Amino acid sequence: MKETEVDTLNSLLMGELSAVESYDKALEKVQDSRTVSILEQCRDSHRERVGKLRDAIMKSGGKPADSTSAWGRMAAVFTSSVGGLGDTAILSALEEGEDVGLNDYEWKLVSMHGENRKLVKEELFPKQQATRKLMSKVLGGKLGGTWPPSPDMSES
């Protein structure tokens, strides 16, 4: 069965809903105030994308999804469960989620056309790239710019 444009947008929407949920869970656990501020910025960017995707779906005659994907639910649970391991573990989980989102946008763009493609390519995808870059920078700062972390790294 061929995926329709609305299906494609809904798939992206579910990913964005998952991201918002993951950031909400992470914000319950993160201790560092500077990190909290950055996570709020990323979450708010994902929330904005949720609104834009919902609008595009309705404009295309579809019904926006109101739940996350199975991957998204698993990511939110994982983000929540690593809280006991410290901020670095949470940031690593969020960075991984940003990678998944980036890949999803790249793959979905291939099959999109018209105004929806323009929205995704010119607005949503660049915002996904920005949140991915920001998470990578924050995590790099926490790790002192080294990856993978050594077993004796302490949380800051």
C-alpha atoms as a PDB file:
ATOM      1  CA  MET A   1       0.000   0.000   0.000  1.00  0.00           C
ATOM      2  CA  LYS A   2       1.395   3.381  -1.040  1.00  0.00           C
ATOM      3  CA  GLU A   3       1.825   5.986   1.676  1.00  0.00           C
ATOM      4  CA  THR A   4      -0.178   9.153   1.013  1.00  0.00           C
ATOM      5  CA  GLU A   5       1.062  12.678   1.663  1.00  0.00           C
ATOM      6  CA  VAL A   6      -1.170  12.863   4.759  1.00  0.00           C
ATOM      7  CA  ASP A   7       0.299   9.554   5.987  1.00  0.00           C
ATOM      8  CA  THR A   8       3.785  10.967   5.495  1.00  0.00           C
ATOM      9  CA  LEU A   9       2.924  14.138   7.404  1.00  0.00           C
ATOM     10  CA  ASN A  10       1.275  12.110  10.168  1.00  0.00           C
ATOM     11  CA  SER A  11       4.378   9.956  10.462  1.00  0.00           C
ATOM     12  CA  LEU A  12       6.473  13.095  10.934  1.00  0.00           C
ATOM     13  CA  LEU A  13       3.884  14.421  13.395  1.00  0.00           C
ATOM     14  CA  MET A  14       4.079  11.269  15.506  1.00  0.00           C
ATOM     15  CA  GLY A  15       7.865  11.656  15.600  1.00  0.00           C
ATOM     16  CA  GLU A  16       7.518  15.248  16.747  1.00  0.00           C
ATOM     17  CA  LEU A  17       4.982  14.274  19.407  1.00  0.00           C
ATOM     18  CA  SER A  18       7.475  11.649  20.579  1.00  0.00           C
ATOM     19  CA  ALA A  19      10.206  14.269  20.757  1.00  0.00           C
ATOM     20  CA  VAL A  20       8.058  16.597  22.859  1.00  0.00           C
ATOM     21  CA  GLU A  21       7.198  13.732  25.202  1.00  0.00           C
ATOM     22  CA  SER A  22      10.852  12.703  25.485  1.00  0.00           C
ATOM     23  CA  TYR A  23      11.963  16.246  26.288  1.00  0.00           C
ATOM     24  CA  ASP A  24       9.185  16.592  28.863  1.00  0.00           C
ATOM     25  CA  LYS A  25      10.385  13.393  30.565  1.00  0.00           C
ATOM     26  CA  ALA A  26      14.005  14.525  30.413  1.00  0.00           C
ATOM     27  CA  LEU A  27      13.166  17.919  31.893  1.00  0.00           C
ATOM     28  CA  GLU A  28      11.748  16.144  34.952  1.00  0.00           C
ATOM     29  CA  LYS A  29      15.178  14.573  35.546  1.00  0.00           C
ATOM     30  CA  VAL A  30      17.896  16.992  34.412  1.00  0.00           C
ATOM     31  CA  GLN A  31      19.566  18.941  37.205  1.00  0.00           C
ATOM     32  CA  ASP A  32      21.801  21.510  35.487  1.00  0.00           C
ATOM     33  CA  SER A  33      19.938  24.804  34.937  1.00  0.00           C
ATOM     34  CA  ARG A  34      21.830  25.682  31.732  1.00  0.00           C
ATOM     35  CA  THR A  35      20.992  22.279  30.304  1.00  0.00           C
ATOM     36  CA  VAL A  36      17.348  22.677  31.321  1.00  0.00           C
ATOM     37  CA  SER A  37      17.167  25.939  29.384  1.00  0.00           C
ATOM     38  CA  ILE A  38      18.552  24.309  26.233  1.00  0.00           C
ATOM     39  CA  LEU A  39      16.241  21.306  26.565  1.00  0.00           C
ATOM     40  CA  GLU A  40      13.267  23.656  26.891  1.00  0.00           C
ATOM     41  CA  GLN A  41      14.385  25.433  23.734  1.00  0.00           C
ATOM     42  CA  CYS A  42      14.597  22.125  21.848  1.00  0.00           C
ATOM     43  CA  ARG A  43      11.234  20.944  23.197  1.00  0.00           C
ATOM     44  CA  ASP A  44       9.591  24.208  22.202  1.00  0.00           C
ATOM     45  CA  SER A  45      11.012  23.881  18.689  1.00  0.00           C
ATOM     46  CA  HIS A  46       9.484  20.391  18.444  1.00  0.00           C
ATOM     47  CA  ARG A  47       6.168  21.753  19.766  1.00  0.00           C
ATOM     48  CA  GLU A  48       6.189  24.415  17.066  1.00  0.00           C
ATOM     49  CA  ARG A  49       6.737  21.707  14.432  1.00  0.00           C
ATOM     50  CA  VAL A  50       3.808  19.753  15.888  1.00  0.00           C
ATOM     51  CA  GLY A  51       1.561  22.757  15.253  1.00  0.00           C
ATOM     52  CA  LYS A  52       2.824  23.290  11.722  1.00  0.00           C
ATOM     53  CA  LEU A  53       2.416  19.610  10.838  1.00  0.00           C
ATOM     54  CA  ARG A  54      -1.111  19.518  12.266  1.00  0.00           C
ATOM     55  CA  ASP A  55      -2.014  22.581  10.200  1.00  0.00           C
ATOM     56  CA  ALA A  56      -0.536  21.045   7.030  1.00  0.00           C
ATOM     57  CA  ILE A  57      -2.405  17.770   7.589  1.00  0.00           C
ATOM     58  CA  MET A  58      -5.733  19.541   8.059  1.00  0.00           C
ATOM     59  CA  LYS A  59      -5.057  21.765   5.038  1.00  0.00           C
ATOM     60  CA  SER A  60      -4.423  18.563   3.047  1.00  0.00           C
ATOM     61  CA  GLY A  61      -7.793  17.179   4.142  1.00  0.00           C
ATOM     62  CA  GLY A  62      -6.470  14.737   6.718  1.00  0.00           C
ATOM     63  CA  LYS A  63      -6.892  14.124  10.420  1.00  0.00           C
ATOM     64  CA  PRO A  64      -3.780  14.749  12.507  1.00  0.00           C
ATOM     65  CA  ALA A  65      -2.456  11.896  14.606  1.00  0.00           C
ATOM     66  CA  ASP A  66      -2.826  12.459  18.324  1.00  0.00           C
ATOM     67  CA  SER A  67      -0.443   9.829  19.615  1.00  0.00           C
ATOM     68  CA  THR A  68       3.223   9.001  19.314  1.00  0.00           C
ATOM     69  CA  SER A  69       4.630   6.107  17.369  1.00  0.00           C
ATOM     70  CA  ALA A  70       5.739   2.864  18.997  1.00  0.00           C
ATOM     71  CA  TRP A  71       9.350   4.056  18.657  1.00  0.00           C
ATOM     72  CA  GLY A  72       8.358   7.331  20.275  1.00  0.00           C
ATOM     73  CA  ARG A  73       6.763   5.664  23.271  1.00  0.00           C
ATOM     74  CA  MET A  74       9.850   3.519  23.705  1.00  0.00           C
ATOM     75  CA  ALA A  75      12.121   6.588  23.402  1.00  0.00           C
ATOM     76  CA  ALA A  76      10.132   8.488  26.028  1.00  0.00           C
ATOM     77  CA  VAL A  77      10.293   5.542  28.421  1.00  0.00           C
ATOM     78  CA  PHE A  78      14.014   5.155  27.799  1.00  0.00           C
ATOM     79  CA  THR A  79      14.647   8.883  28.288  1.00  0.00           C
ATOM     80  CA  SER A  80      12.725   8.727  31.548  1.00  0.00           C
ATOM     81  CA  SER A  81      14.442   5.542  32.756  1.00  0.00           C
ATOM     82  CA  VAL A  82      18.008   6.780  32.211  1.00  0.00           C
ATOM     83  CA  GLY A  83      17.357   9.655  34.589  1.00  0.00           C
ATOM     84  CA  GLY A  84      19.068   7.818  37.436  1.00  0.00           C
ATOM     85  CA  LEU A  85      22.233   7.599  35.341  1.00  0.00           C
ATOM     86  CA  GLY A  86      22.671  11.363  35.203  1.00  0.00           C
ATOM     87  CA  ASP A  87      22.348  14.197  32.753  1.00  0.00           C
ATOM     88  CA  THR A  88      24.851  12.765  30.267  1.00  0.00           C
ATOM     89  CA  ALA A  89      22.806   9.593  29.789  1.00  0.00           C
ATOM     90  CA  ILE A  90      19.648  11.643  29.267  1.00  0.00           C
ATOM     91  CA  LEU A  91      21.377  13.903  26.762  1.00  0.00           C
ATOM     92  CA  SER A  92      22.718  10.870  24.911  1.00  0.00           C
ATOM     93  CA  ALA A  93      19.213   9.437  24.640  1.00  0.00           C
ATOM     94  CA  LEU A  94      17.861  12.764  23.365  1.00  0.00           C
ATOM     95  CA  GLU A  95      20.683  13.085  20.841  1.00  0.00           C
ATOM     96  CA  GLU A  96      19.857   9.607  19.545  1.00  0.00           C
ATOM     97  CA  GLY A  97      16.229  10.663  19.187  1.00  0.00           C
ATOM     98  CA  GLU A  98      17.319  13.753  17.241  1.00  0.00           C
ATOM     99  CA  ASP A  99      19.266  11.461  14.885  1.00  0.00           C
ATOM    100  CA  VAL A 100      16.166   9.333  14.329  1.00  0.00           C
ATOM    101  CA  GLY A 101      14.123  12.459  13.619  1.00  0.00           C
ATOM    102  CA  LEU A 102      16.713  13.804  11.205  1.00  0.00           C
ATOM    103  CA  ASN A 103      16.771  10.532   9.280  1.00  0.00           C
ATOM    104  CA  ASP A 104      12.979  10.414   9.214  1.00  0.00           C
ATOM    105  CA  TYR A 105      12.751  13.895   7.702  1.00  0.00           C
ATOM    106  CA  GLU A 106      15.409  13.035   5.094  1.00  0.00           C
ATOM    107  CA  TRP A 107      13.621   9.866   4.005  1.00  0.00           C
ATOM    108  CA  LYS A 108      10.150  11.429   3.962  1.00  0.00           C
ATOM    109  CA  LEU A 109      11.327  14.347   1.815  1.00  0.00           C
ATOM    110  CA  VAL A 110      12.090  11.944  -1.030  1.00  0.00           C
ATOM    111  CA  SER A 111       8.405  11.168  -1.579  1.00  0.00           C
ATOM    112  CA  MET A 112       6.913  14.586  -0.876  1.00  0.00           C
ATOM    113  CA  HIS A 113       5.686  17.178  -3.373  1.00  0.00           C
ATOM    114  CA  GLY A 114       4.241  20.675  -3.556  1.00  0.00           C
ATOM    115  CA  GLU A 115       3.555  22.902  -0.571  1.00  0.00           C
ATOM    116  CA  ASN A 116       4.024  20.133   2.000  1.00  0.00           C
ATOM    117  CA  ARG A 117       7.476  19.333   0.623  1.00  0.00           C
ATOM    118  CA  LYS A 118       8.342  23.023   0.704  1.00  0.00           C
ATOM    119  CA  LEU A 119       7.225  23.263   4.348  1.00  0.00           C
ATOM    120  CA  VAL A 120       9.276  20.248   5.345  1.00  0.00           C
ATOM    121  CA  LYS A 121      12.354  21.079   3.271  1.00  0.00           C
ATOM    122  CA  GLU A 122      12.564  24.798   3.968  1.00  0.00           C
ATOM    123  CA  GLU A 123      11.217  25.054   7.498  1.00  0.00           C
ATOM    124  CA  LEU A 124      10.815  21.819   9.466  1.00  0.00           C
ATOM    125  CA  PHE A 125      13.924  19.935   8.325  1.00  0.00           C
ATOM    126  CA  PRO A 126      16.263  22.894   9.036  1.00  0.00           C
ATOM    127  CA  LYS A 127      14.734  23.196  12.521  1.00  0.00           C
ATOM    128  CA  GLN A 128      15.350  19.470  13.057  1.00  0.00           C
ATOM    129  CA  GLN A 129      18.941  19.949  11.945  1.00  0.00           C
ATOM    130  CA  ALA A 130      19.271  22.827  14.419  1.00  0.00           C
ATOM    131  CA  THR A 131      17.941  20.870  17.409  1.00  0.00           C
ATOM    132  CA  ARG A 132      20.189  17.922  16.481  1.00  0.00           C
ATOM    133  CA  LYS A 133      23.205  20.218  16.301  1.00  0.00           C
ATOM    134  CA  LEU A 134      22.313  21.871  19.598  1.00  0.00           C
ATOM    135  CA  MET A 135      21.939  18.522  21.387  1.00  0.00           C
ATOM    136  CA  SER A 136      25.242  17.350  19.962  1.00  0.00           C
ATOM    137  CA  LYS A 137      26.940  20.544  21.162  1.00  0.00           C
ATOM    138  CA  VAL A 138      25.442  20.247  24.655  1.00  0.00           C
ATOM    139  CA  LEU A 139      26.425  16.598  24.921  1.00  0.00           C
ATOM    140  CA  GLY A 140      29.907  17.363  23.614  1.00  0.00           C
ATOM    141  CA  GLY A 141      30.277  19.997  26.311  1.00  0.00           C
ATOM    142  CA  LYS A 142      29.188  17.540  28.995  1.00  0.00           C
ATOM    143  CA  LEU A 143      31.687  14.990  27.712  1.00  0.00           C
ATOM    144  CA  GLY A 144      34.510  17.457  27.296  1.00  0.00           C
ATOM    145  CA  GLY A 145      34.320  16.958  23.534  1.00  0.00           C
ATOM    146  CA  THR A 146      35.169  13.249  23.696  1.00  0.00           C
ATOM    147  CA  TRP A 147      33.086  10.309  22.581  1.00  0.00           C
ATOM    148  CA  PRO A 148      32.553   7.675  23.718  1.00  0.00           C
ATOM    149  CA  PRO A 149      32.776   8.681  27.363  1.00  0.00           C
ATOM    150  CA  SER A 150      35.280   6.848  29.487  1.00  0.00           C
ATOM    151  CA  PRO A 151      33.872   4.699  32.299  1.00  0.00           C
ATOM    152  CA  ASP A 152      35.355   6.992  34.943  1.00  0.00           C
ATOM    153  CA  MET A 153      33.836  10.234  33.628  1.00  0.00           C
ATOM    154  CA  SER A 154      32.047  12.125  36.342  1.00  0.00           C
ATOM    155  CA  GLU A 155      28.794  14.008  35.894  1.00  0.00           C
ATOM    156  CA  SER A 156      29.100  17.775  36.025  1.00  0.00           C
END
